[in-house]
Amino acid sequence: MTIERYIRIIAGSFILLSLALAHWISPYWLWFTAFVGANLLQAGITKWCLMEDILKKLGVGGSCCSSKPEANDSCCHKQ
């Protein structure tokens, strides 16, 4: 799985979790939802994502097309 998919899964999970917490615990959890949304917006504008840096430090692989792919290991198919 690519790092981009991990980021989407994590962001979506954070949003759903914070909405559930806001519903059952406290509406202040909506600030966490806003924080995630602001980070997604910032990442789209600046092309820098803190979660990407964190995942890379944890050893999660990068995009399958980010470096020169091997012929048999590539998920990027040239046509």
C-alpha atoms as a PDB file:
ATOM      1  CA  MET A   1       0.000   0.000   0.000  1.00  0.00           C
ATOM      2  CA  THR A   2       1.307   3.464  -0.838  1.00  0.00           C
ATOM      3  CA  ILE A   3       1.922   6.196   1.686  1.00  0.00           C
ATOM      4  CA  GLU A   4      -0.827   8.286   0.059  1.00  0.00           C
ATOM      5  CA  ARG A   5      -3.378   5.582   0.856  1.00  0.00           C
ATOM      6  CA  TYR A   6      -2.160   5.394   4.457  1.00  0.00           C
ATOM      7  CA  ILE A   7      -2.595   9.170   4.792  1.00  0.00           C
ATOM      8  CA  ARG A   8      -6.142   9.028   3.403  1.00  0.00           C
ATOM      9  CA  ILE A   9      -7.061   6.158   5.713  1.00  0.00           C
ATOM     10  CA  ILE A  10      -5.596   7.912   8.758  1.00  0.00           C
ATOM     11  CA  ALA A  11      -7.229  11.268   7.946  1.00  0.00           C
ATOM     12  CA  GLY A  12     -10.614   9.641   7.341  1.00  0.00           C
ATOM     13  CA  SER A  13     -10.331   7.634  10.546  1.00  0.00           C
ATOM     14  CA  PHE A  14      -9.397  10.737  12.549  1.00  0.00           C
ATOM     15  CA  ILE A  15     -12.394  12.629  11.183  1.00  0.00           C
ATOM     16  CA  LEU A  16     -14.860   9.824  11.856  1.00  0.00           C
ATOM     17  CA  LEU A  17     -13.424   9.234  15.332  1.00  0.00           C
ATOM     18  CA  SER A  18     -13.572  12.908  16.251  1.00  0.00           C
ATOM     19  CA  LEU A  19     -17.163  13.183  14.992  1.00  0.00           C
ATOM     20  CA  ALA A  20     -18.144  10.194  17.130  1.00  0.00           C
ATOM     21  CA  LEU A  21     -16.366  11.688  20.149  1.00  0.00           C
ATOM     22  CA  ALA A  22     -18.101  15.023  19.537  1.00  0.00           C
ATOM     23  CA  HIS A  23     -21.464  13.282  19.438  1.00  0.00           C
ATOM     24  CA  TRP A  24     -21.021  11.107  22.529  1.00  0.00           C
ATOM     25  CA  ILE A  25     -18.413  12.902  24.675  1.00  0.00           C
ATOM     26  CA  SER A  26     -18.080  16.631  24.000  1.00  0.00           C
ATOM     27  CA  PRO A  27     -18.652  18.988  21.062  1.00  0.00           C
ATOM     28  CA  TYR A  28     -15.146  20.317  21.646  1.00  0.00           C
ATOM     29  CA  TRP A  29     -13.895  17.289  19.678  1.00  0.00           C
ATOM     30  CA  LEU A  30     -15.073  19.122  16.546  1.00  0.00           C
ATOM     31  CA  TRP A  31     -11.928  21.229  16.930  1.00  0.00           C
ATOM     32  CA  PHE A  32      -9.932  18.077  16.144  1.00  0.00           C
ATOM     33  CA  THR A  33     -12.031  17.589  13.000  1.00  0.00           C
ATOM     34  CA  ALA A  34     -11.239  21.188  12.018  1.00  0.00           C
ATOM     35  CA  PHE A  35      -7.544  20.584  12.723  1.00  0.00           C
ATOM     36  CA  VAL A  36      -7.467  17.554  10.403  1.00  0.00           C
ATOM     37  CA  GLY A  37      -9.296  19.486   7.693  1.00  0.00           C
ATOM     38  CA  ALA A  38      -6.917  22.436   8.019  1.00  0.00           C
ATOM     39  CA  ASN A  39      -3.930  20.094   7.713  1.00  0.00           C
ATOM     40  CA  LEU A  40      -5.395  18.499   4.585  1.00  0.00           C
ATOM     41  CA  LEU A  41      -5.946  21.957   3.076  1.00  0.00           C
ATOM     42  CA  GLN A  42      -2.429  23.068   4.013  1.00  0.00           C
ATOM     43  CA  ALA A  43      -0.928  19.893   2.535  1.00  0.00           C
ATOM     44  CA  GLY A  44      -2.813  20.430  -0.709  1.00  0.00           C
ATOM     45  CA  ILE A  45      -1.574  24.005  -1.015  1.00  0.00           C
ATOM     46  CA  THR A  46       2.049  23.599   0.122  1.00  0.00           C
ATOM     47  CA  LYS A  47       2.651  19.994  -1.038  1.00  0.00           C
ATOM     48  CA  TRP A  48       4.095  19.215   2.431  1.00  0.00           C
ATOM     49  CA  CYS A  49       2.365  16.818   4.795  1.00  0.00           C
ATOM     50  CA  LEU A  50       3.435  16.249   8.401  1.00  0.00           C
ATOM     51  CA  MET A  51       1.752  12.824   8.473  1.00  0.00           C
ATOM     52  CA  GLU A  52       3.832  11.794   5.456  1.00  0.00           C
ATOM     53  CA  ASP A  53       7.024  12.721   7.341  1.00  0.00           C
ATOM     54  CA  ILE A  54       5.827  10.817  10.423  1.00  0.00           C
ATOM     55  CA  LEU A  55       4.987   7.706   8.397  1.00  0.00           C
ATOM     56  CA  LYS A  56       8.345   7.803   6.616  1.00  0.00           C
ATOM     57  CA  LYS A  57      10.146   7.990   9.991  1.00  0.00           C
ATOM     58  CA  LEU A  58       8.119   4.971  11.095  1.00  0.00           C
ATOM     59  CA  GLY A  59       9.363   3.077   8.044  1.00  0.00           C
ATOM     60  CA  VAL A  60       6.226   3.114   5.926  1.00  0.00           C
ATOM     61  CA  GLY A  61       7.190   2.974   2.250  1.00  0.00           C
ATOM     62  CA  GLY A  62       6.757   5.884  -0.113  1.00  0.00           C
ATOM     63  CA  SER A  63       4.822   6.130  -3.319  1.00  0.00           C
ATOM     64  CA  CYS A  64       5.389   3.270  -5.727  1.00  0.00           C
ATOM     65  CA  CYS A  65       6.300   5.802  -8.420  1.00  0.00           C
ATOM     66  CA  SER A  66       8.507   8.081  -6.308  1.00  0.00           C
ATOM     67  CA  SER A  67      11.773   6.416  -7.258  1.00  0.00           C
ATOM     68  CA  LYS A  68      13.002   4.337 -10.146  1.00  0.00           C
ATOM     69  CA  PRO A  69      10.858   1.217  -9.910  1.00  0.00           C
ATOM     70  CA  GLU A  70      12.198  -2.211 -10.640  1.00  0.00           C
ATOM     71  CA  ALA A  71      10.703  -3.856 -13.704  1.00  0.00           C
ATOM     72  CA  ASN A  72       8.942  -6.634 -11.752  1.00  0.00           C
ATOM     73  CA  ASP A  73       8.160  -4.716  -8.544  1.00  0.00           C
ATOM     74  CA  SER A  74       6.456  -1.734 -10.113  1.00  0.00           C
ATOM     75  CA  CYS A  75       2.845  -0.815  -9.474  1.00  0.00           C
ATOM     76  CA  CYS A  76       3.204   1.884 -12.130  1.00  0.00           C
ATOM     77  CA  HIS A  77       2.593   0.281 -15.476  1.00  0.00           C
ATOM     78  CA  LYS A  78       4.049   1.976 -18.529  1.00  0.00           C
ATOM     79  CA  GLN A  79       1.928   1.742 -21.606  1.00  0.00           C
END
